[in-house]
Amino acid sequence: METTAVGDIVFFHGAGDGAYDIDSEMAADLRSRLGDGYSVVMPQLPEEDDADDRAWLATIERAIADAVPPVVLVGHSAGGYMLLKHLTTSPVTPSVAAICVIAAPFPAGDPDWTFDGFDLPEGFGDRLPPGAAVLLYASEDDEIVPFAHRDLYGRAIASAVTRTTTGGHQLGNDLSAVADDIRAIAERGR
């Protein structure tokens, strides 16, 4: 089995009824596209239909601490937002190779995504783990999170690379772009 220059890939699913099972298809596609030598894990976040920040942040913190570094962190939808919230409000011990955020809602990005408790610290883009590649993915035909939210994150995170995909909110369960980026990061790290 070939080894890579990245450690575990930790995938954080979105919120809502059945989100873990639905996003498991995305994680499985990523695992399949990366193949042997890559470890993709997906912890189940608590109360997926009611994303309580404290419980989610504690689970995200444990999953990152337990991962083999340098970790690649992937967050879909609310999982992406909560991943960014954790990374910008708490110290992260293991080395982070990349942060991949897929179809994440941006706090106050529009009236539908403006409510108490849904926020990130001011200047959050400057608080991410140093040296980590930041990649933002969104589909122009996303029916849940407006495509423009990706660009709001892109403006807030100066070093971020944006990718446009297809397949709606779930990207059609096709994470080929994410897999390609992770392989490129692993190659650079050798």
N, C-alpha and C. Protein backbone atom coordinates (compact mmCIF):
# COMPACT_ATOMS: atom_id res chain seq x y z
N MET A 1 0.85 -1.19 0.00
CA MET A 1 0.00 0.00 0.00
C MET A 1 0.89 1.24 0.00
N GLU A 2 0.62 2.16 -0.90
CA GLU A 2 1.38 3.40 -1.00
C GLU A 2 0.97 4.34 0.12
N THR A 3 1.94 5.02 0.72
CA THR A 3 1.62 6.01 1.76
C THR A 3 1.60 7.39 1.14
N THR A 4 0.95 8.30 1.82
CA THR A 4 0.82 9.67 1.32
C THR A 4 1.46 10.64 2.30
N ALA A 5 1.62 11.87 1.85
CA ALA A 5 2.20 12.91 2.69
C ALA A 5 1.14 13.62 3.52
N VAL A 6 -0.06 13.08 3.54
CA VAL A 6 -1.10 13.59 4.44
C VAL A 6 -1.52 12.46 5.36
N GLY A 7 -2.02 12.85 6.52
CA GLY A 7 -2.51 11.85 7.47
C GLY A 7 -3.97 11.55 7.20
N ASP A 8 -4.75 11.51 8.26
CA ASP A 8 -6.18 11.23 8.12
C ASP A 8 -6.91 12.37 7.44
N ILE A 9 -7.94 12.00 6.71
CA ILE A 9 -8.87 12.96 6.12
C ILE A 9 -10.14 12.83 6.94
N VAL A 10 -10.52 13.90 7.62
CA VAL A 10 -11.69 13.87 8.50
C VAL A 10 -12.80 14.67 7.83
N PHE A 11 -13.92 13.99 7.59
CA PHE A 11 -15.07 14.57 6.87
C PHE A 11 -16.17 14.87 7.88
N PHE A 12 -16.60 16.13 7.95
CA PHE A 12 -17.68 16.54 8.86
C PHE A 12 -18.95 16.79 8.05
N HIS A 13 -19.99 16.05 8.39
CA HIS A 13 -21.26 16.12 7.65
C HIS A 13 -22.08 17.35 8.02
N GLY A 14 -23.11 17.59 7.24
CA GLY A 14 -24.01 18.72 7.46
C GLY A 14 -25.06 18.43 8.51
N ALA A 15 -26.00 19.35 8.64
CA ALA A 15 -27.07 19.25 9.63
C ALA A 15 -28.38 18.88 8.95
N GLY A 16 -29.33 18.50 9.77
CA GLY A 16 -30.65 18.17 9.26
C GLY A 16 -30.95 16.68 9.43
N ASP A 17 -32.21 16.38 9.34
CA ASP A 17 -32.66 15.00 9.51
C ASP A 17 -32.01 14.09 8.48
N GLY A 18 -31.27 13.08 8.96
CA GLY A 18 -30.64 12.12 8.08
C GLY A 18 -29.36 12.58 7.43
N ALA A 19 -28.81 13.73 7.85
CA ALA A 19 -27.62 14.30 7.20
C ALA A 19 -26.42 13.36 7.25
N TYR A 20 -26.24 12.65 8.36
CA TYR A 20 -25.09 11.74 8.45
C TYR A 20 -25.16 10.68 7.35
N ASP A 21 -26.32 10.06 7.22
CA ASP A 21 -26.47 9.02 6.19
C ASP A 21 -26.34 9.59 4.78
N ILE A 22 -26.94 10.75 4.55
CA ILE A 22 -26.87 11.37 3.23
C ILE A 22 -25.43 11.74 2.88
N ASP A 23 -24.73 12.37 3.82
CA ASP A 23 -23.35 12.78 3.55
C ASP A 23 -22.37 11.62 3.56
N SER A 24 -22.78 10.47 4.12
CA SER A 24 -21.94 9.28 4.05
C SER A 24 -21.64 8.90 2.61
N GLU A 25 -22.58 9.20 1.71
CA GLU A 25 -22.35 8.92 0.29
C GLU A 25 -21.23 9.80 -0.26
N MET A 26 -21.18 11.05 0.19
CA MET A 26 -20.10 11.94 -0.24
C MET A 26 -18.76 11.43 0.28
N ALA A 27 -18.71 11.06 1.55
CA ALA A 27 -17.46 10.56 2.14
C ALA A 27 -17.03 9.27 1.45
N ALA A 28 -17.98 8.41 1.13
CA ALA A 28 -17.65 7.15 0.43
C ALA A 28 -17.09 7.44 -0.96
N ASP A 29 -17.66 8.42 -1.65
CA ASP A 29 -17.14 8.77 -2.96
C ASP A 29 -15.71 9.29 -2.84
N LEU A 30 -15.46 10.14 -1.86
CA LEU A 30 -14.11 10.66 -1.65
C LEU A 30 -13.14 9.52 -1.37
N ARG A 31 -13.52 8.62 -0.48
CA ARG A 31 -12.69 7.46 -0.14
C ARG A 31 -12.38 6.63 -1.38
N SER A 32 -13.40 6.39 -2.19
CA SER A 32 -13.24 5.59 -3.40
C SER A 32 -12.31 6.28 -4.40
N ARG A 33 -12.47 7.57 -4.57
CA ARG A 33 -11.65 8.30 -5.54
C ARG A 33 -10.19 8.41 -5.09
N LEU A 34 -9.96 8.49 -3.78
CA LEU A 34 -8.59 8.59 -3.29
C LEU A 34 -7.89 7.24 -3.31
N GLY A 35 -8.62 6.19 -3.01
CA GLY A 35 -8.05 4.84 -3.05
C GLY A 35 -7.17 4.52 -1.85
N ASP A 36 -6.43 3.42 -2.01
CA ASP A 36 -5.56 2.93 -0.94
C ASP A 36 -4.50 3.97 -0.60
N GLY A 37 -4.10 3.97 0.65
CA GLY A 37 -3.09 4.91 1.11
C GLY A 37 -3.67 6.16 1.75
N TYR A 38 -4.98 6.34 1.61
CA TYR A 38 -5.66 7.47 2.22
C TYR A 38 -6.69 6.96 3.20
N SER A 39 -6.76 7.59 4.34
CA SER A 39 -7.73 7.21 5.36
C SER A 39 -8.77 8.32 5.49
N VAL A 40 -10.03 8.00 5.15
CA VAL A 40 -11.13 8.97 5.27
C VAL A 40 -12.03 8.50 6.41
N VAL A 41 -12.17 9.34 7.42
CA VAL A 41 -13.05 9.03 8.55
C VAL A 41 -14.15 10.09 8.64
N MET A 42 -15.31 9.67 9.10
CA MET A 42 -16.44 10.60 9.22
C MET A 42 -17.13 10.39 10.57
N PRO A 43 -16.77 11.21 11.57
CA PRO A 43 -17.45 11.08 12.86
C PRO A 43 -18.90 11.53 12.75
N GLN A 44 -19.75 10.91 13.55
CA GLN A 44 -21.14 11.35 13.57
C GLN A 44 -21.27 12.50 14.56
N LEU A 45 -21.71 13.64 14.04
CA LEU A 45 -21.91 14.80 14.89
C LEU A 45 -23.22 14.65 15.65
N PRO A 46 -23.29 15.16 16.87
CA PRO A 46 -24.49 14.96 17.69
C PRO A 46 -25.70 15.73 17.20
N GLU A 47 -26.87 15.16 17.47
CA GLU A 47 -28.14 15.83 17.19
C GLU A 47 -28.12 16.52 15.84
N GLU A 48 -27.98 15.73 14.80
CA GLU A 48 -27.78 16.32 13.47
C GLU A 48 -28.94 17.17 12.99
N ASP A 49 -30.12 17.03 13.59
CA ASP A 49 -31.23 17.87 13.16
C ASP A 49 -31.34 19.16 13.99
N ASP A 50 -30.45 19.33 14.96
CA ASP A 50 -30.42 20.55 15.77
C ASP A 50 -28.97 20.82 16.15
N ALA A 51 -28.25 21.49 15.28
CA ALA A 51 -26.81 21.67 15.44
C ALA A 51 -26.47 22.60 16.61
N ASP A 52 -26.37 22.01 17.80
CA ASP A 52 -25.94 22.76 18.98
C ASP A 52 -24.44 23.00 18.89
N ASP A 53 -24.04 24.24 18.91
CA ASP A 53 -22.63 24.57 18.74
C ASP A 53 -21.72 23.83 19.70
N ARG A 54 -22.02 23.82 20.99
CA ARG A 54 -21.12 23.22 21.97
C ARG A 54 -20.89 21.75 21.71
N ALA A 55 -21.93 21.00 21.46
CA ALA A 55 -21.79 19.57 21.21
C ALA A 55 -21.04 19.30 19.91
N TRP A 56 -21.39 20.05 18.88
CA TRP A 56 -20.70 19.88 17.59
C TRP A 56 -19.22 20.25 17.72
N LEU A 57 -18.93 21.38 18.35
CA LEU A 57 -17.54 21.82 18.47
C LEU A 57 -16.71 20.84 19.28
N ALA A 58 -17.28 20.27 20.33
CA ALA A 58 -16.56 19.27 21.13
C ALA A 58 -16.26 18.02 20.31
N THR A 59 -17.22 17.58 19.51
CA THR A 59 -17.01 16.40 18.66
C THR A 59 -15.96 16.69 17.59
N ILE A 60 -16.03 17.86 17.00
CA ILE A 60 -15.03 18.24 15.98
C ILE A 60 -13.64 18.30 16.61
N GLU A 61 -13.54 18.88 17.79
CA GLU A 61 -12.26 18.97 18.48
C GLU A 61 -11.67 17.58 18.74
N ARG A 62 -12.49 16.65 19.25
CA ARG A 62 -12.02 15.29 19.52
C ARG A 62 -11.57 14.59 18.24
N ALA A 63 -12.36 14.73 17.18
CA ALA A 63 -12.03 14.06 15.92
C ALA A 63 -10.70 14.57 15.36
N ILE A 64 -10.46 15.86 15.45
CA ILE A 64 -9.20 16.42 14.95
C ILE A 64 -8.04 15.96 15.83
N ALA A 65 -8.23 15.98 17.15
CA ALA A 65 -7.17 15.56 18.08
C ALA A 65 -6.81 14.09 17.89
N ASP A 66 -7.79 13.26 17.53
CA ASP A 66 -7.55 11.82 17.35
C ASP A 66 -6.98 11.47 15.98
N ALA A 67 -6.97 12.41 15.05
CA ALA A 67 -6.55 12.14 13.68
C ALA A 67 -5.03 12.10 13.57
N VAL A 68 -4.58 11.31 12.60
CA VAL A 68 -3.16 11.23 12.30
C VAL A 68 -2.77 12.45 11.46
N PRO A 69 -1.78 13.25 11.93
CA PRO A 69 -1.39 14.43 11.18
C PRO A 69 -0.40 14.08 10.06
N PRO A 70 -0.23 14.99 9.13
CA PRO A 70 -0.98 16.23 8.96
C PRO A 70 -2.37 15.93 8.42
N VAL A 71 -3.38 16.47 9.07
CA VAL A 71 -4.76 16.16 8.75
C VAL A 71 -5.27 17.02 7.60
N VAL A 72 -6.22 16.44 6.88
CA VAL A 72 -6.99 17.17 5.88
C VAL A 72 -8.41 17.20 6.43
N LEU A 73 -8.96 18.38 6.59
CA LEU A 73 -10.28 18.55 7.17
C LEU A 73 -11.26 18.94 6.08
N VAL A 74 -12.36 18.19 5.98
CA VAL A 74 -13.38 18.42 4.96
C VAL A 74 -14.69 18.65 5.69
N GLY A 75 -15.38 19.74 5.38
CA GLY A 75 -16.67 20.01 6.00
C GLY A 75 -17.71 20.33 4.95
N HIS A 76 -18.85 19.65 5.05
CA HIS A 76 -19.94 19.90 4.11
C HIS A 76 -21.05 20.69 4.80
N SER A 77 -21.50 21.76 4.19
CA SER A 77 -22.64 22.54 4.63
C SER A 77 -22.42 23.03 6.07
N ALA A 78 -23.34 22.72 6.98
CA ALA A 78 -23.19 23.16 8.37
C ALA A 78 -21.93 22.58 8.98
N GLY A 79 -21.51 21.40 8.53
CA GLY A 79 -20.25 20.82 9.00
C GLY A 79 -19.05 21.67 8.60
N GLY A 80 -19.11 22.29 7.43
CA GLY A 80 -18.05 23.20 7.00
C GLY A 80 -18.02 24.47 7.83
N TYR A 81 -19.20 25.03 8.06
CA TYR A 81 -19.30 26.23 8.90
C TYR A 81 -18.78 25.93 10.31
N MET A 82 -19.22 24.82 10.90
CA MET A 82 -18.80 24.48 12.26
C MET A 82 -17.31 24.17 12.33
N LEU A 83 -16.77 23.56 11.29
CA LEU A 83 -15.34 23.31 11.23
C LEU A 83 -14.58 24.64 11.27
N LEU A 84 -15.00 25.59 10.45
CA LEU A 84 -14.35 26.91 10.46
C LEU A 84 -14.50 27.59 11.81
N LYS A 85 -15.67 27.45 12.41
CA LYS A 85 -15.89 28.06 13.73
C LYS A 85 -14.91 27.48 14.75
N HIS A 86 -14.75 26.15 14.73
CA HIS A 86 -13.81 25.52 15.67
C HIS A 86 -12.38 26.00 15.41
N LEU A 87 -11.97 25.96 14.14
CA LEU A 87 -10.59 26.31 13.80
C LEU A 87 -10.25 27.76 14.12
N THR A 88 -11.25 28.63 14.18
CA THR A 88 -11.00 30.05 14.42
C THR A 88 -11.28 30.49 15.85
N THR A 89 -11.73 29.56 16.69
CA THR A 89 -12.02 29.91 18.08
C THR A 89 -11.27 29.05 19.09
N SER A 90 -10.58 28.00 18.63
CA SER A 90 -9.87 27.09 19.54
C SER A 90 -8.52 26.73 18.95
N PRO A 91 -7.52 26.51 19.81
CA PRO A 91 -6.23 26.08 19.27
C PRO A 91 -6.34 24.66 18.71
N VAL A 92 -5.63 24.40 17.63
CA VAL A 92 -5.64 23.09 17.00
C VAL A 92 -4.24 22.50 17.15
N THR A 93 -4.15 21.33 17.79
CA THR A 93 -2.86 20.73 18.08
C THR A 93 -2.21 20.06 16.88
N PRO A 94 -2.88 19.16 16.17
CA PRO A 94 -2.16 18.51 15.07
C PRO A 94 -1.94 19.45 13.90
N SER A 95 -0.97 19.11 13.10
CA SER A 95 -0.69 19.87 11.88
C SER A 95 -1.84 19.69 10.90
N VAL A 96 -2.27 20.77 10.28
CA VAL A 96 -3.37 20.73 9.32
C VAL A 96 -2.81 21.02 7.93
N ALA A 97 -2.94 20.05 7.03
CA ALA A 97 -2.45 20.22 5.66
C ALA A 97 -3.43 21.01 4.81
N ALA A 98 -4.72 20.76 5.00
CA ALA A 98 -5.73 21.42 4.16
C ALA A 98 -7.07 21.48 4.86
N ILE A 99 -7.83 22.49 4.49
CA ILE A 99 -9.20 22.68 4.95
C ILE A 99 -10.05 22.80 3.70
N CYS A 100 -10.95 21.85 3.50
CA CYS A 100 -11.82 21.81 2.32
C CYS A 100 -13.26 22.06 2.79
N VAL A 101 -13.86 23.14 2.33
CA VAL A 101 -15.20 23.52 2.77
C VAL A 101 -16.14 23.43 1.56
N ILE A 102 -17.17 22.61 1.71
CA ILE A 102 -18.10 22.34 0.61
C ILE A 102 -19.48 22.90 0.94
N ALA A 103 -19.96 23.80 0.11
CA ALA A 103 -21.34 24.31 0.20
C ALA A 103 -21.73 24.77 1.60
N ALA A 104 -20.84 25.54 2.24
CA ALA A 104 -21.11 26.01 3.60
C ALA A 104 -21.86 27.33 3.58
N PRO A 105 -22.86 27.46 4.44
CA PRO A 105 -23.56 28.74 4.56
C PRO A 105 -22.66 29.77 5.24
N PHE A 106 -22.72 31.00 4.77
CA PHE A 106 -21.94 32.09 5.34
C PHE A 106 -22.84 32.88 6.28
N PRO A 107 -22.41 33.07 7.54
CA PRO A 107 -23.24 33.83 8.47
C PRO A 107 -23.60 35.21 7.93
N ALA A 108 -24.88 35.51 7.93
CA ALA A 108 -25.43 36.78 7.44
C ALA A 108 -25.16 36.97 5.95
N GLY A 109 -24.97 35.87 5.23
CA GLY A 109 -24.74 35.94 3.80
C GLY A 109 -25.94 36.43 3.03
N ASP A 110 -27.11 36.25 3.60
CA ASP A 110 -28.37 36.76 3.06
C ASP A 110 -29.41 36.62 4.16
N PRO A 111 -30.61 37.14 3.98
CA PRO A 111 -31.60 37.11 5.06
C PRO A 111 -31.93 35.70 5.58
N ASP A 112 -31.88 34.70 4.72
CA ASP A 112 -32.19 33.33 5.16
C ASP A 112 -31.11 32.76 6.08
N TRP A 113 -29.94 33.34 6.06
CA TRP A 113 -28.82 32.84 6.86
C TRP A 113 -28.35 33.90 7.85
N THR A 114 -29.31 34.65 8.40
CA THR A 114 -29.02 35.66 9.41
C THR A 114 -29.86 35.37 10.63
N PHE A 115 -29.20 34.88 11.68
CA PHE A 115 -29.91 34.62 12.93
C PHE A 115 -28.92 34.56 14.08
N ASP A 116 -29.43 34.74 15.30
CA ASP A 116 -28.59 34.76 16.51
C ASP A 116 -27.82 33.46 16.65
N GLY A 117 -26.55 33.59 17.01
CA GLY A 117 -25.71 32.43 17.26
C GLY A 117 -25.03 31.86 16.02
N PHE A 118 -25.43 32.32 14.85
CA PHE A 118 -24.82 31.86 13.61
C PHE A 118 -23.83 32.92 13.18
N ASP A 119 -22.57 32.75 13.63
CA ASP A 119 -21.57 33.77 13.37
C ASP A 119 -20.17 33.17 13.42
N LEU A 120 -19.23 33.95 12.96
CA LEU A 120 -17.81 33.62 13.04
C LEU A 120 -17.11 34.84 13.61
N PRO A 121 -15.96 34.65 14.27
CA PRO A 121 -15.28 35.82 14.84
C PRO A 121 -14.80 36.78 13.75
N GLU A 122 -14.75 38.03 14.09
CA GLU A 122 -14.25 39.03 13.15
C GLU A 122 -12.82 38.67 12.75
N GLY A 123 -12.51 38.81 11.48
CA GLY A 123 -11.18 38.48 10.99
C GLY A 123 -10.88 36.99 11.02
N PHE A 124 -11.92 36.15 10.98
CA PHE A 124 -11.72 34.70 11.12
C PHE A 124 -10.78 34.13 10.06
N GLY A 125 -10.73 34.74 8.88
CA GLY A 125 -9.86 34.24 7.82
C GLY A 125 -8.39 34.26 8.18
N ASP A 126 -8.03 35.14 9.10
CA ASP A 126 -6.64 35.25 9.55
C ASP A 126 -6.35 34.35 10.75
N ARG A 127 -7.34 33.65 11.25
CA ARG A 127 -7.18 32.82 12.44
C ARG A 127 -7.06 31.33 12.12
N LEU A 128 -7.09 30.98 10.86
CA LEU A 128 -7.02 29.57 10.47
C LEU A 128 -5.60 29.04 10.69
N PRO A 129 -5.44 27.72 10.84
CA PRO A 129 -4.10 27.17 11.08
C PRO A 129 -3.11 27.61 10.01
N PRO A 130 -1.95 28.12 10.42
CA PRO A 130 -0.97 28.61 9.46
C PRO A 130 -0.47 27.49 8.55
N GLY A 131 -0.29 27.82 7.30
CA GLY A 131 0.24 26.86 6.34
C GLY A 131 -0.79 25.91 5.74
N ALA A 132 -2.00 25.91 6.26
CA ALA A 132 -3.03 25.01 5.72
C ALA A 132 -3.59 25.58 4.42
N ALA A 133 -3.67 24.75 3.40
CA ALA A 133 -4.36 25.15 2.17
C ALA A 133 -5.84 25.24 2.48
N VAL A 134 -6.51 26.25 1.95
CA VAL A 134 -7.96 26.40 2.14
C VAL A 134 -8.61 26.35 0.77
N LEU A 135 -9.53 25.39 0.61
CA LEU A 135 -10.24 25.20 -0.66
C LEU A 135 -11.73 25.28 -0.42
N LEU A 136 -12.41 26.06 -1.24
CA LEU A 136 -13.85 26.29 -1.09
C LEU A 136 -14.56 25.77 -2.34
N TYR A 137 -15.54 24.90 -2.13
CA TYR A 137 -16.27 24.28 -3.24
C TYR A 137 -17.75 24.64 -3.14
N ALA A 138 -18.36 24.90 -4.29
CA ALA A 138 -19.81 25.15 -4.33
C ALA A 138 -20.31 24.89 -5.73
N SER A 139 -21.58 24.53 -5.78
CA SER A 139 -22.25 24.27 -7.04
C SER A 139 -23.17 25.44 -7.35
N GLU A 140 -23.14 25.89 -8.59
CA GLU A 140 -24.01 27.01 -8.97
C GLU A 140 -25.48 26.65 -8.88
N ASP A 141 -25.80 25.35 -8.90
CA ASP A 141 -27.20 24.93 -8.82
C ASP A 141 -27.57 24.40 -7.43
N ASP A 142 -26.86 24.87 -6.40
CA ASP A 142 -27.15 24.47 -5.02
C ASP A 142 -28.53 25.01 -4.64
N GLU A 143 -29.41 24.13 -4.22
CA GLU A 143 -30.79 24.50 -3.88
C GLU A 143 -30.96 24.85 -2.40
N ILE A 144 -29.90 24.72 -1.61
CA ILE A 144 -30.00 24.97 -0.16
C ILE A 144 -29.17 26.17 0.27
N VAL A 145 -27.90 26.19 -0.10
CA VAL A 145 -27.01 27.30 0.26
C VAL A 145 -26.67 28.06 -1.02
N PRO A 146 -26.99 29.34 -1.07
CA PRO A 146 -26.69 30.11 -2.28
C PRO A 146 -25.21 30.04 -2.67
N PHE A 147 -24.97 29.91 -3.96
CA PHE A 147 -23.61 29.84 -4.51
C PHE A 147 -22.76 31.03 -4.06
N ALA A 148 -23.37 32.19 -3.93
CA ALA A 148 -22.64 33.40 -3.54
C ALA A 148 -21.96 33.28 -2.18
N HIS A 149 -22.41 32.37 -1.33
CA HIS A 149 -21.79 32.20 -0.01
C HIS A 149 -20.34 31.75 -0.14
N ARG A 150 -20.05 30.93 -1.17
CA ARG A 150 -18.67 30.51 -1.38
C ARG A 150 -17.77 31.72 -1.59
N ASP A 151 -18.24 32.67 -2.37
CA ASP A 151 -17.43 33.86 -2.65
C ASP A 151 -17.30 34.77 -1.43
N LEU A 152 -18.30 34.77 -0.56
CA LEU A 152 -18.18 35.52 0.69
C LEU A 152 -17.06 34.93 1.55
N TYR A 153 -17.01 33.60 1.61
CA TYR A 153 -15.89 32.95 2.32
C TYR A 153 -14.58 33.27 1.62
N GLY A 154 -14.58 33.25 0.30
CA GLY A 154 -13.36 33.54 -0.45
C GLY A 154 -12.82 34.93 -0.16
N ARG A 155 -13.69 35.90 0.00
CA ARG A 155 -13.25 37.26 0.33
C ARG A 155 -12.73 37.34 1.78
N ALA A 156 -13.31 36.55 2.66
CA ALA A 156 -12.91 36.58 4.07
C ALA A 156 -11.62 35.81 4.33
N ILE A 157 -11.31 34.85 3.45
CA ILE A 157 -10.10 34.03 3.61
C ILE A 157 -9.23 34.32 2.38
N ALA A 158 -8.31 35.24 2.54
CA ALA A 158 -7.53 35.74 1.40
C ALA A 158 -6.78 34.64 0.65
N SER A 159 -6.31 33.63 1.35
CA SER A 159 -5.52 32.58 0.71
C SER A 159 -6.36 31.47 0.09
N ALA A 160 -7.67 31.54 0.23
CA ALA A 160 -8.54 30.45 -0.24
C ALA A 160 -8.55 30.34 -1.76
N VAL A 161 -8.66 29.11 -2.21
CA VAL A 161 -8.85 28.79 -3.62
C VAL A 161 -10.29 28.35 -3.78
N THR A 162 -10.98 28.91 -4.76
CA THR A 162 -12.39 28.54 -4.96
C THR A 162 -12.52 27.59 -6.14
N ARG A 163 -13.47 26.66 -6.01
CA ARG A 163 -13.76 25.69 -7.05
C ARG A 163 -15.27 25.71 -7.31
N THR A 164 -15.65 25.72 -8.58
CA THR A 164 -17.05 25.65 -8.97
C THR A 164 -17.34 24.24 -9.46
N THR A 165 -18.38 23.63 -8.90
CA THR A 165 -18.75 22.27 -9.25
C THR A 165 -20.20 22.25 -9.75
N THR A 166 -20.72 21.07 -9.92
CA THR A 166 -22.12 20.88 -10.30
C THR A 166 -22.72 19.84 -9.36
N GLY A 167 -24.01 19.63 -9.50
CA GLY A 167 -24.66 18.57 -8.73
C GLY A 167 -25.41 19.01 -7.51
N GLY A 168 -25.74 20.29 -7.41
CA GLY A 168 -26.54 20.76 -6.28
C GLY A 168 -25.78 20.76 -4.97
N HIS A 169 -26.53 20.78 -3.89
CA HIS A 169 -25.94 20.89 -2.55
C HIS A 169 -25.02 19.72 -2.23
N GLN A 170 -25.33 18.55 -2.74
CA GLN A 170 -24.52 17.36 -2.46
C GLN A 170 -23.44 17.14 -3.53
N LEU A 171 -23.31 18.06 -4.47
CA LEU A 171 -22.36 17.94 -5.58
C LEU A 171 -22.59 16.66 -6.37
N GLY A 172 -23.82 16.15 -6.34
CA GLY A 172 -24.11 14.91 -7.03
C GLY A 172 -23.32 13.74 -6.45
N ASN A 173 -22.89 13.87 -5.20
CA ASN A 173 -22.04 12.89 -4.54
C ASN A 173 -20.78 12.59 -5.35
N ASP A 174 -20.29 13.59 -6.06
CA ASP A 174 -19.09 13.48 -6.87
C ASP A 174 -18.03 14.42 -6.29
N LEU A 175 -17.12 13.86 -5.53
CA LEU A 175 -16.08 14.66 -4.89
C LEU A 175 -14.75 14.54 -5.64
N SER A 176 -14.82 14.39 -6.95
CA SER A 176 -13.59 14.26 -7.74
C SER A 176 -12.71 15.50 -7.61
N ALA A 177 -13.29 16.68 -7.58
CA ALA A 177 -12.48 17.90 -7.45
C ALA A 177 -11.78 17.94 -6.10
N VAL A 178 -12.47 17.52 -5.05
CA VAL A 178 -11.87 17.48 -3.71
C VAL A 178 -10.74 16.46 -3.68
N ALA A 179 -10.99 15.27 -4.23
CA ALA A 179 -9.97 14.22 -4.27
C ALA A 179 -8.74 14.68 -5.04
N ASP A 180 -8.95 15.34 -6.18
CA ASP A 180 -7.82 15.83 -6.98
C ASP A 180 -6.99 16.82 -6.18
N ASP A 181 -7.65 17.72 -5.45
CA ASP A 181 -6.93 18.71 -4.65
C ASP A 181 -6.16 18.04 -3.51
N ILE A 182 -6.77 17.06 -2.86
CA ILE A 182 -6.08 16.37 -1.75
C ILE A 182 -4.86 15.63 -2.27
N ARG A 183 -4.99 14.95 -3.40
CA ARG A 183 -3.83 14.26 -3.99
C ARG A 183 -2.72 15.26 -4.33
N ALA A 184 -3.08 16.42 -4.88
CA ALA A 184 -2.07 17.44 -5.22
C ALA A 184 -1.37 17.94 -3.96
N ILE A 185 -2.11 18.14 -2.89
CA ILE A 185 -1.52 18.58 -1.62
C ILE A 185 -0.60 17.51 -1.08
N ALA A 186 -0.99 16.26 -1.16
CA ALA A 186 -0.16 15.15 -0.70
C ALA A 186 1.13 15.07 -1.50
N GLU A 187 1.02 15.26 -2.81
CA GLU A 187 2.22 15.23 -3.67
C GLU A 187 3.20 16.35 -3.32
N ARG A 188 2.67 17.53 -3.07
CA ARG A 188 3.53 18.67 -2.71
C ARG A 188 4.22 18.44 -1.38
N GLY A 189 3.57 17.67 -0.49
CA GLY A 189 4.12 17.43 0.84
C GLY A 189 5.18 16.34 0.90
N ARG A 190 5.41 15.66 -0.21
CA ARG A 190 6.41 14.57 -0.21
C ARG A 190 7.81 15.11 -0.22
